[in-house]
Amino acid sequence: MLLYIVYISIFIISSNNLSYDRWYDFFSKNTTKIFSIMVLLSALSHAWIGMRHILEDYITLPILRQLGVWITGSILFIYLFFGMIIIWSV
């Protein structure tokens, strides 16, 4: 994620005039799309691991814990699905 921040920062610093067209050209590159998807996957996996541990530590009823894990996984999968649609639609 740090490399992604550096990548975006270098683009912003090196651009004299940031316009919609420049942003569109930048995000329509395959390297930026792949890099964005990698960051999305790492952020969502981090959220999955963190939420799963929180649910396992603080929810004692097994049915509620499994329901929480299922709901969290479903929401994160929806985020992944729509994130990939948004990234590849540029």
PDB file of N, CA and C in Angstrom:
ATOM      1  N   MET A   1       0.825  -1.189   0.000  1.00  0.00           N
ATOM      2  CA  MET A   1       0.000   0.000   0.000  1.00  0.00           C
ATOM      3  C   MET A   1       0.872   1.258   0.000  1.00  0.00           C
ATOM      4  N   LEU A   2       1.991   1.155   0.679  1.00  0.00           N
ATOM      5  CA  LEU A   2       2.909   2.294   0.691  1.00  0.00           C
ATOM      6  C   LEU A   2       3.423   2.586  -0.717  1.00  0.00           C
ATOM      7  N   LEU A   3       3.733   1.539  -1.464  1.00  0.00           N
ATOM      8  CA  LEU A   3       4.198   1.734  -2.843  1.00  0.00           C
ATOM      9  C   LEU A   3       3.111   2.391  -3.703  1.00  0.00           C
ATOM     10  N   TYR A   4       1.866   2.046  -3.450  1.00  0.00           N
ATOM     11  CA  TYR A   4       0.754   2.650  -4.189  1.00  0.00           C
ATOM     12  C   TYR A   4       0.643   4.145  -3.865  1.00  0.00           C
ATOM     13  N   ILE A   5       0.799   4.477  -2.603  1.00  0.00           N
ATOM     14  CA  ILE A   5       0.769   5.892  -2.208  1.00  0.00           C
ATOM     15  C   ILE A   5       1.910   6.649  -2.860  1.00  0.00           C
ATOM     16  N   VAL A   6       3.095   6.047  -2.892  1.00  0.00           N
ATOM     17  CA  VAL A   6       4.238   6.682  -3.546  1.00  0.00           C
ATOM     18  C   VAL A   6       3.970   6.825  -5.048  1.00  0.00           C
ATOM     19  N   TYR A   7       3.405   5.795  -5.663  1.00  0.00           N
ATOM     20  CA  TYR A   7       3.077   5.810  -7.093  1.00  0.00           C
ATOM     21  C   TYR A   7       2.106   6.948  -7.425  1.00  0.00           C
ATOM     22  N   ILE A   8       1.050   7.081  -6.636  1.00  0.00           N
ATOM     23  CA  ILE A   8       0.072   8.157  -6.853  1.00  0.00           C
ATOM     24  C   ILE A   8       0.714   9.515  -6.574  1.00  0.00           C
ATOM     25  N   SER A   9       1.521   9.591  -5.517  1.00  0.00           N
ATOM     26  CA  SER A   9       2.169  10.863  -5.168  1.00  0.00           C
ATOM     27  C   SER A   9       3.121  11.327  -6.257  1.00  0.00           C
ATOM     28  N   ILE A  10       3.869  10.409  -6.837  1.00  0.00           N
ATOM     29  CA  ILE A  10       4.784  10.786  -7.924  1.00  0.00           C
ATOM     30  C   ILE A  10       3.992  11.332  -9.104  1.00  0.00           C
ATOM     31  N   PHE A  11       2.859  10.704  -9.403  1.00  0.00           N
ATOM     32  CA  PHE A  11       2.018  11.218 -10.492  1.00  0.00           C
ATOM     33  C   PHE A  11       1.531  12.629 -10.186  1.00  0.00           C
ATOM     34  N   ILE A  12       1.067  12.865  -8.977  1.00  0.00           N
ATOM     35  CA  ILE A  12       0.541  14.180  -8.607  1.00  0.00           C
ATOM     36  C   ILE A  12       1.647  15.231  -8.632  1.00  0.00           C
ATOM     37  N   ILE A  13       2.811  14.886  -8.088  1.00  0.00           N
ATOM     38  CA  ILE A  13       3.916  15.844  -8.033  1.00  0.00           C
ATOM     39  C   ILE A  13       4.448  16.152  -9.430  1.00  0.00           C
ATOM     40  N   SER A  14       4.508  15.151 -10.290  1.00  0.00           N
ATOM     41  CA  SER A  14       5.076  15.361 -11.622  1.00  0.00           C
ATOM     42  C   SER A  14       4.099  16.025 -12.592  1.00  0.00           C
ATOM     43  N   SER A  15       2.842  16.111 -12.233  1.00  0.00           N
ATOM     44  CA  SER A  15       1.854  16.732 -13.128  1.00  0.00           C
ATOM     45  C   SER A  15       1.768  18.220 -12.861  1.00  0.00           C
ATOM     46  N   ASN A  16       1.890  18.981 -13.914  1.00  0.00           N
ATOM     47  CA  ASN A  16       1.761  20.427 -13.775  1.00  0.00           C
ATOM     48  C   ASN A  16       0.300  20.847 -13.683  1.00  0.00           C
ATOM     49  N   ASN A  17      -0.515  20.240 -14.512  1.00  0.00           N
ATOM     50  CA  ASN A  17      -1.909  20.610 -14.580  1.00  0.00           C
ATOM     51  C   ASN A  17      -2.761  19.348 -14.405  1.00  0.00           C
ATOM     52  N   LEU A  18      -3.341  19.184 -13.228  1.00  0.00           N
ATOM     53  CA  LEU A  18      -4.191  18.028 -12.991  1.00  0.00           C
ATOM     54  C   LEU A  18      -5.600  18.333 -13.481  1.00  0.00           C
ATOM     55  N   SER A  19      -5.995  17.612 -14.476  1.00  0.00           N
ATOM     56  CA  SER A  19      -7.337  17.773 -15.018  1.00  0.00           C
ATOM     57  C   SER A  19      -7.998  16.405 -15.077  1.00  0.00           C
ATOM     58  N   TYR A  20      -9.257  16.412 -15.424  1.00  0.00           N
ATOM     59  CA  TYR A  20      -9.990  15.161 -15.542  1.00  0.00           C
ATOM     60  C   TYR A  20      -9.339  14.250 -16.573  1.00  0.00           C
ATOM     61  N   ASP A  21      -8.911  14.811 -17.684  1.00  0.00           N
ATOM     62  CA  ASP A  21      -8.293  14.006 -18.745  1.00  0.00           C
ATOM     63  C   ASP A  21      -6.998  13.347 -18.279  1.00  0.00           C
ATOM     64  N   ARG A  22      -6.188  14.075 -17.513  1.00  0.00           N
ATOM     65  CA  ARG A  22      -4.934  13.515 -16.998  1.00  0.00           C
ATOM     66  C   ARG A  22      -5.211  12.373 -16.020  1.00  0.00           C
ATOM     67  N   TRP A  23      -6.197  12.583 -15.126  1.00  0.00           N
ATOM     68  CA  TRP A  23      -6.565  11.533 -14.184  1.00  0.00           C
ATOM     69  C   TRP A  23      -7.107  10.323 -14.932  1.00  0.00           C
ATOM     70  N   TYR A  24      -7.928  10.543 -15.929  1.00  0.00           N
ATOM     71  CA  TYR A  24      -8.509   9.445 -16.705  1.00  0.00           C
ATOM     72  C   TYR A  24      -7.414   8.655 -17.418  1.00  0.00           C
ATOM     73  N   ASP A  25      -6.478   9.375 -18.030  1.00  0.00           N
ATOM     74  CA  ASP A  25      -5.369   8.700 -18.712  1.00  0.00           C
ATOM     75  C   ASP A  25      -4.518   7.889 -17.734  1.00  0.00           C
ATOM     76  N   PHE A  26      -4.301   8.456 -16.554  1.00  0.00           N
ATOM     77  CA  PHE A  26      -3.493   7.773 -15.544  1.00  0.00           C
ATOM     78  C   PHE A  26      -4.177   6.490 -15.076  1.00  0.00           C
ATOM     79  N   PHE A  27      -5.464   6.549 -14.777  1.00  0.00           N
ATOM     80  CA  PHE A  27      -6.174   5.383 -14.267  1.00  0.00           C
ATOM     81  C   PHE A  27      -6.618   4.421 -15.361  1.00  0.00           C
ATOM     82  N   SER A  28      -6.484   4.804 -16.616  1.00  0.00           N
ATOM     83  CA  SER A  28      -6.831   3.865 -17.683  1.00  0.00           C
ATOM     84  C   SER A  28      -5.642   2.990 -18.086  1.00  0.00           C
ATOM     85  N   LYS A  29      -4.467   3.259 -17.544  1.00  0.00           N
ATOM     86  CA  LYS A  29      -3.303   2.405 -17.805  1.00  0.00           C
ATOM     87  C   LYS A  29      -3.487   1.061 -17.103  1.00  0.00           C
ATOM     88  N   ASN A  30      -3.063   0.008 -17.771  1.00  0.00           N
ATOM     89  CA  ASN A  30      -3.192  -1.324 -17.169  1.00  0.00           C
ATOM     90  C   ASN A  30      -2.355  -1.483 -15.909  1.00  0.00           C
ATOM     91  N   THR A  31      -1.188  -0.821 -15.876  1.00  0.00           N
ATOM     92  CA  THR A  31      -0.357  -0.927 -14.677  1.00  0.00           C
ATOM     93  C   THR A  31      -1.063  -0.308 -13.468  1.00  0.00           C
ATOM     94  N   THR A  32      -1.714   0.818 -13.671  1.00  0.00           N
ATOM     95  CA  THR A  32      -2.436   1.462 -12.573  1.00  0.00           C
ATOM     96  C   THR A  32      -3.633   0.615 -12.161  1.00  0.00           C
ATOM     97  N   LYS A  33      -4.315   0.012 -13.126  1.00  0.00           N
ATOM     98  CA  LYS A  33      -5.464  -0.836 -12.798  1.00  0.00           C
ATOM     99  C   LYS A  33      -5.030  -2.048 -11.988  1.00  0.00           C
ATOM    100  N   ILE A  34      -3.967  -2.695 -12.414  1.00  0.00           N
ATOM    101  CA  ILE A  34      -3.488  -3.880 -11.700  1.00  0.00           C
ATOM    102  C   ILE A  34      -2.986  -3.502 -10.307  1.00  0.00           C
ATOM    103  N   PHE A  35      -2.276  -2.404 -10.226  1.00  0.00           N
ATOM    104  CA  PHE A  35      -1.786  -1.927  -8.938  1.00  0.00           C
ATOM    105  C   PHE A  35      -2.955  -1.580  -8.021  1.00  0.00           C
ATOM    106  N   SER A  36      -3.992  -0.955  -8.548  1.00  0.00           N
ATOM    107  CA  SER A  36      -5.169  -0.601  -7.755  1.00  0.00           C
ATOM    108  C   SER A  36      -5.896  -1.851  -7.260  1.00  0.00           C
ATOM    109  N   ILE A  37      -6.000  -2.867  -8.101  1.00  0.00           N
ATOM    110  CA  ILE A  37      -6.660  -4.103  -7.685  1.00  0.00           C
ATOM    111  C   ILE A  37      -5.839  -4.814  -6.618  1.00  0.00           C
ATOM    112  N   MET A  38      -4.525  -4.788  -6.737  1.00  0.00           N
ATOM    113  CA  MET A  38      -3.678  -5.402  -5.713  1.00  0.00           C
ATOM    114  C   MET A  38      -3.867  -4.705  -4.368  1.00  0.00           C
ATOM    115  N   VAL A  39      -3.955  -3.376  -4.379  1.00  0.00           N
ATOM    116  CA  VAL A  39      -4.167  -2.631  -3.143  1.00  0.00           C
ATOM    117  C   VAL A  39      -5.563  -2.905  -2.590  1.00  0.00           C
ATOM    118  N   LEU A  40      -6.554  -2.986  -3.470  1.00  0.00           N
ATOM    119  CA  LEU A  40      -7.912  -3.316  -3.034  1.00  0.00           C
ATOM    120  C   LEU A  40      -7.942  -4.697  -2.378  1.00  0.00           C
ATOM    121  N   LEU A  41      -7.308  -5.675  -2.995  1.00  0.00           N
ATOM    122  CA  LEU A  41      -7.258  -7.023  -2.426  1.00  0.00           C
ATOM    123  C   LEU A  41      -6.535  -7.048  -1.079  1.00  0.00           C
ATOM    124  N   SER A  42      -5.450  -6.314  -0.961  1.00  0.00           N
ATOM    125  CA  SER A  42      -4.721  -6.312   0.304  1.00  0.00           C
ATOM    126  C   SER A  42      -5.518  -5.603   1.397  1.00  0.00           C
ATOM    127  N   ALA A  43      -6.212  -4.526   1.055  1.00  0.00           N
ATOM    128  CA  ALA A  43      -7.030  -3.827   2.048  1.00  0.00           C
ATOM    129  C   ALA A  43      -8.203  -4.694   2.499  1.00  0.00           C
ATOM    130  N   LEU A  44      -8.850  -5.372   1.548  1.00  0.00           N
ATOM    131  CA  LEU A  44      -9.982  -6.216   1.907  1.00  0.00           C
ATOM    132  C   LEU A  44      -9.544  -7.455   2.683  1.00  0.00           C
ATOM    133  N   SER A  45      -8.397  -8.019   2.353  1.00  0.00           N
ATOM    134  CA  SER A  45      -7.918  -9.170   3.126  1.00  0.00           C
ATOM    135  C   SER A  45      -7.526  -8.742   4.537  1.00  0.00           C
ATOM    136  N   HIS A  46      -6.967  -7.569   4.666  1.00  0.00           N
ATOM    137  CA  HIS A  46      -6.635  -7.030   5.986  1.00  0.00           C
ATOM    138  C   HIS A  46      -7.912  -6.823   6.810  1.00  0.00           C
ATOM    139  N   ALA A  47      -8.934  -6.278   6.174  1.00  0.00           N
ATOM    140  CA  ALA A  47     -10.218  -6.085   6.858  1.00  0.00           C
ATOM    141  C   ALA A  47     -10.834  -7.425   7.243  1.00  0.00           C
ATOM    142  N   TRP A  48     -10.739  -8.428   6.361  1.00  0.00           N
ATOM    143  CA  TRP A  48     -11.291  -9.749   6.642  1.00  0.00           C
ATOM    144  C   TRP A  48     -10.613 -10.387   7.852  1.00  0.00           C
ATOM    145  N   ILE A  49      -9.290 -10.350   7.871  1.00  0.00           N
ATOM    146  CA  ILE A  49      -8.557 -10.955   8.985  1.00  0.00           C
ATOM    147  C   ILE A  49      -8.868 -10.235  10.286  1.00  0.00           C
ATOM    148  N   GLY A  50      -8.885  -8.917  10.248  1.00  0.00           N
ATOM    149  CA  GLY A  50      -9.162  -8.142  11.452  1.00  0.00           C
ATOM    150  C   GLY A  50     -10.564  -8.364  11.979  1.00  0.00           C
ATOM    151  N   MET A  51     -11.555  -8.313  11.103  1.00  0.00           N
ATOM    152  CA  MET A  51     -12.936  -8.502  11.542  1.00  0.00           C
ATOM    153  C   MET A  51     -13.176  -9.931  12.023  1.00  0.00           C
ATOM    154  N   ARG A  52     -12.570 -10.900  11.368  1.00  0.00           N
ATOM    155  CA  ARG A  52     -12.738 -12.287  11.809  1.00  0.00           C
ATOM    156  C   ARG A  52     -12.172 -12.479  13.209  1.00  0.00           C
ATOM    157  N   HIS A  53     -11.014 -11.886  13.482  1.00  0.00           N
ATOM    158  CA  HIS A  53     -10.426 -12.012  14.820  1.00  0.00           C
ATOM    159  C   HIS A  53     -11.259 -11.288  15.863  1.00  0.00           C
ATOM    160  N   ILE A  54     -11.776 -10.128  15.515  1.00  0.00           N
ATOM    161  CA  ILE A  54     -12.627  -9.397  16.457  1.00  0.00           C
ATOM    162  C   ILE A  54     -13.877 -10.206  16.771  1.00  0.00           C
ATOM    163  N   LEU A  55     -14.510 -10.753  15.739  1.00  0.00           N
ATOM    164  CA  LEU A  55     -15.714 -11.549  15.963  1.00  0.00           C
ATOM    165  C   LEU A  55     -15.415 -12.806  16.778  1.00  0.00           C
ATOM    166  N   GLU A  56     -14.302 -13.460  16.508  1.00  0.00           N
ATOM    167  CA  GLU A  56     -13.954 -14.665  17.258  1.00  0.00           C
ATOM    168  C   GLU A  56     -13.608 -14.356  18.713  1.00  0.00           C
ATOM    169  N   ASP A  57     -13.054 -13.186  18.968  1.00  0.00           N
ATOM    170  CA  ASP A  57     -12.662 -12.837  20.333  1.00  0.00           C
ATOM    171  C   ASP A  57     -13.830 -12.346  21.181  1.00  0.00           C
ATOM    172  N   TYR A  58     -14.757 -11.607  20.591  1.00  0.00           N
ATOM    173  CA  TYR A  58     -15.766 -10.923  21.397  1.00  0.00           C
ATOM    174  C   TYR A  58     -17.174 -11.483  21.285  1.00  0.00           C
ATOM    175  N   ILE A  59     -17.475 -12.313  20.308  1.00  0.00           N
ATOM    176  CA  ILE A  59     -18.804 -12.914  20.193  1.00  0.00           C
ATOM    177  C   ILE A  59     -18.688 -14.359  20.673  1.00  0.00           C
ATOM    178  N   THR A  60     -19.362 -14.688  21.758  1.00  0.00           N
ATOM    179  CA  THR A  60     -19.217 -16.015  22.348  1.00  0.00           C
ATOM    180  C   THR A  60     -20.217 -17.027  21.799  1.00  0.00           C
ATOM    181  N   LEU A  61     -21.379 -16.591  21.370  1.00  0.00           N
ATOM    182  CA  LEU A  61     -22.361 -17.524  20.819  1.00  0.00           C
ATOM    183  C   LEU A  61     -21.931 -17.952  19.414  1.00  0.00           C
ATOM    184  N   PRO A  62     -21.764 -19.253  19.193  1.00  0.00           N
ATOM    185  CA  PRO A  62     -21.262 -19.723  17.892  1.00  0.00           C
ATOM    186  C   PRO A  62     -22.140 -19.316  16.707  1.00  0.00           C
ATOM    187  N   ILE A  63     -23.445 -19.331  16.870  1.00  0.00           N
ATOM    188  CA  ILE A  63     -24.331 -18.985  15.752  1.00  0.00           C
ATOM    189  C   ILE A  63     -24.202 -17.501  15.391  1.00  0.00           C
ATOM    190  N   LEU A  64     -24.095 -16.646  16.400  1.00  0.00           N
ATOM    191  CA  LEU A  64     -23.911 -15.211  16.123  1.00  0.00           C
ATOM    192  C   LEU A  64     -22.543 -14.938  15.520  1.00  0.00           C
ATOM    193  N   ARG A  65     -21.544 -15.667  16.001  1.00  0.00           N
ATOM    194  CA  ARG A  65     -20.193 -15.496  15.467  1.00  0.00           C
ATOM    195  C   ARG A  65     -20.150 -15.905  13.995  1.00  0.00           C
ATOM    196  N   GLN A  66     -20.745 -17.035  13.661  1.00  0.00           N
ATOM    197  CA  GLN A  66     -20.775 -17.484  12.271  1.00  0.00           C
ATOM    198  C   GLN A  66     -21.592 -16.547  11.397  1.00  0.00           C
ATOM    199  N   LEU A  67     -22.674 -16.028  11.943  1.00  0.00           N
ATOM    200  CA  LEU A  67     -23.474 -15.061  11.198  1.00  0.00           C
ATOM    201  C   LEU A  67     -22.672 -13.784  10.931  1.00  0.00           C
ATOM    202  N   GLY A  68     -21.942 -13.324  11.934  1.00  0.00           N
ATOM    203  CA  GLY A  68     -21.102 -12.139  11.757  1.00  0.00           C
ATOM    204  C   GLY A  68     -20.001 -12.355  10.745  1.00  0.00           C
ATOM    205  N   VAL A  69     -19.386 -13.532  10.789  1.00  0.00           N
ATOM    206  CA  VAL A  69     -18.334 -13.857   9.816  1.00  0.00           C
ATOM    207  C   VAL A  69     -18.925 -13.922   8.414  1.00  0.00           C
ATOM    208  N   TRP A  70     -20.096 -14.530   8.290  1.00  0.00           N
ATOM    209  CA  TRP A  70     -20.745 -14.638   6.983  1.00  0.00           C
ATOM    210  C   TRP A  70     -21.135 -13.254   6.440  1.00  0.00           C
ATOM    211  N   ILE A  71     -21.710 -12.408   7.291  1.00  0.00           N
ATOM    212  CA  ILE A  71     -22.107 -11.066   6.856  1.00  0.00           C
ATOM    213  C   ILE A  71     -20.879 -10.248   6.461  1.00  0.00           C
ATOM    214  N   THR A  72     -19.828 -10.324   7.269  1.00  0.00           N
ATOM    215  CA  THR A  72     -18.595  -9.593   6.962  1.00  0.00           C
ATOM    216  C   THR A  72     -17.995 -10.068   5.640  1.00  0.00           C
ATOM    217  N   GLY A  73     -17.925 -11.371   5.454  1.00  0.00           N
ATOM    218  CA  GLY A  73     -17.385 -11.909   4.207  1.00  0.00           C
ATOM    219  C   GLY A  73     -18.219 -11.503   3.006  1.00  0.00           C
ATOM    220  N   SER A  74     -19.536 -11.504   3.173  1.00  0.00           N
ATOM    221  CA  SER A  74     -20.422 -11.107   2.071  1.00  0.00           C
ATOM    222  C   SER A  74     -20.227  -9.644   1.705  1.00  0.00           C
ATOM    223  N   ILE A  75     -20.144  -8.791   2.700  1.00  0.00           N
ATOM    224  CA  ILE A  75     -19.951  -7.361   2.444  1.00  0.00           C
ATOM    225  C   ILE A  75     -18.610  -7.113   1.764  1.00  0.00           C
ATOM    226  N   LEU A  76     -17.552  -7.768   2.247  1.00  0.00           N
ATOM    227  CA  LEU A  76     -16.233  -7.578   1.646  1.00  0.00           C
ATOM    228  C   LEU A  76     -16.187  -8.128   0.220  1.00  0.00           C
ATOM    229  N   PHE A  77     -16.898  -9.212  -0.042  1.00  0.00           N
ATOM    230  CA  PHE A  77     -16.967  -9.737  -1.403  1.00  0.00           C
ATOM    231  C   PHE A  77     -17.692  -8.760  -2.328  1.00  0.00           C
ATOM    232  N   ILE A  78     -18.763  -8.147  -1.829  1.00  0.00           N
ATOM    233  CA  ILE A  78     -19.484  -7.138  -2.621  1.00  0.00           C
ATOM    234  C   ILE A  78     -18.570  -5.947  -2.901  1.00  0.00           C
ATOM    235  N   TYR A  79     -17.795  -5.515  -1.893  1.00  0.00           N
ATOM    236  CA  TYR A  79     -16.825  -4.433  -2.108  1.00  0.00           C
ATOM    237  C   TYR A  79     -15.823  -4.811  -3.186  1.00  0.00           C
ATOM    238  N   LEU A  80     -15.337  -6.043  -3.136  1.00  0.00           N
ATOM    239  CA  LEU A  80     -14.376  -6.506  -4.141  1.00  0.00           C
ATOM    240  C   LEU A  80     -15.011  -6.512  -5.527  1.00  0.00           C
ATOM    241  N   PHE A  81     -16.210  -7.038  -5.630  1.00  0.00           N
ATOM    242  CA  PHE A  81     -16.912  -7.125  -6.907  1.00  0.00           C
ATOM    243  C   PHE A  81     -17.103  -5.740  -7.523  1.00  0.00           C
ATOM    244  N   PHE A  82     -17.669  -4.813  -6.758  1.00  0.00           N
ATOM    245  CA  PHE A  82     -17.905  -3.480  -7.299  1.00  0.00           C
ATOM    246  C   PHE A  82     -16.613  -2.690  -7.478  1.00  0.00           C
ATOM    247  N   GLY A  83     -15.622  -2.925  -6.623  1.00  0.00           N
ATOM    248  CA  GLY A  83     -14.330  -2.264  -6.788  1.00  0.00           C
ATOM    249  C   GLY A  83     -13.661  -2.657  -8.088  1.00  0.00           C
ATOM    250  N   MET A  84     -13.730  -3.945  -8.419  1.00  0.00           N
ATOM    251  CA  MET A  84     -13.131  -4.394  -9.674  1.00  0.00           C
ATOM    252  C   MET A  84     -13.911  -3.858 -10.875  1.00  0.00           C
ATOM    253  N   ILE A  85     -15.216  -3.785 -10.763  1.00  0.00           N
ATOM    254  CA  ILE A  85     -16.012  -3.205 -11.848  1.00  0.00           C
ATOM    255  C   ILE A  85     -15.639  -1.751 -12.046  1.00  0.00           C
ATOM    256  N   ILE A  86     -15.521  -1.008 -10.971  1.00  0.00           N
ATOM    257  CA  ILE A  86     -15.186   0.418 -11.072  1.00  0.00           C
ATOM    258  C   ILE A  86     -13.788   0.602 -11.630  1.00  0.00           C
ATOM    259  N   ILE A  87     -12.823  -0.175 -11.160  1.00  0.00           N
ATOM    260  CA  ILE A  87     -11.444  -0.024 -11.619  1.00  0.00           C
ATOM    261  C   ILE A  87     -11.314  -0.369 -13.103  1.00  0.00           C
ATOM    262  N   TRP A  88     -11.930  -1.458 -13.544  1.00  0.00           N
ATOM    263  CA  TRP A  88     -11.792  -1.869 -14.942  1.00  0.00           C
ATOM    264  C   TRP A  88     -12.690  -1.108 -15.889  1.00  0.00           C
ATOM    265  N   SER A  89     -13.641  -0.329 -15.378  1.00  0.00           N
ATOM    266  CA  SER A  89     -14.521   0.416 -16.281  1.00  0.00           C
ATOM    267  C   SER A  89     -13.915   1.732 -16.741  1.00  0.00           C
ATOM    268  N   VAL A  90     -12.795   2.110 -16.185  1.00  0.00           N
ATOM    269  CA  VAL A  90     -12.159   3.371 -16.576  1.00  0.00           C
ATOM    270  C   VAL A  90     -11.559   3.235 -17.950  1.00  0.00           C
TER     271      VAL A  90
END
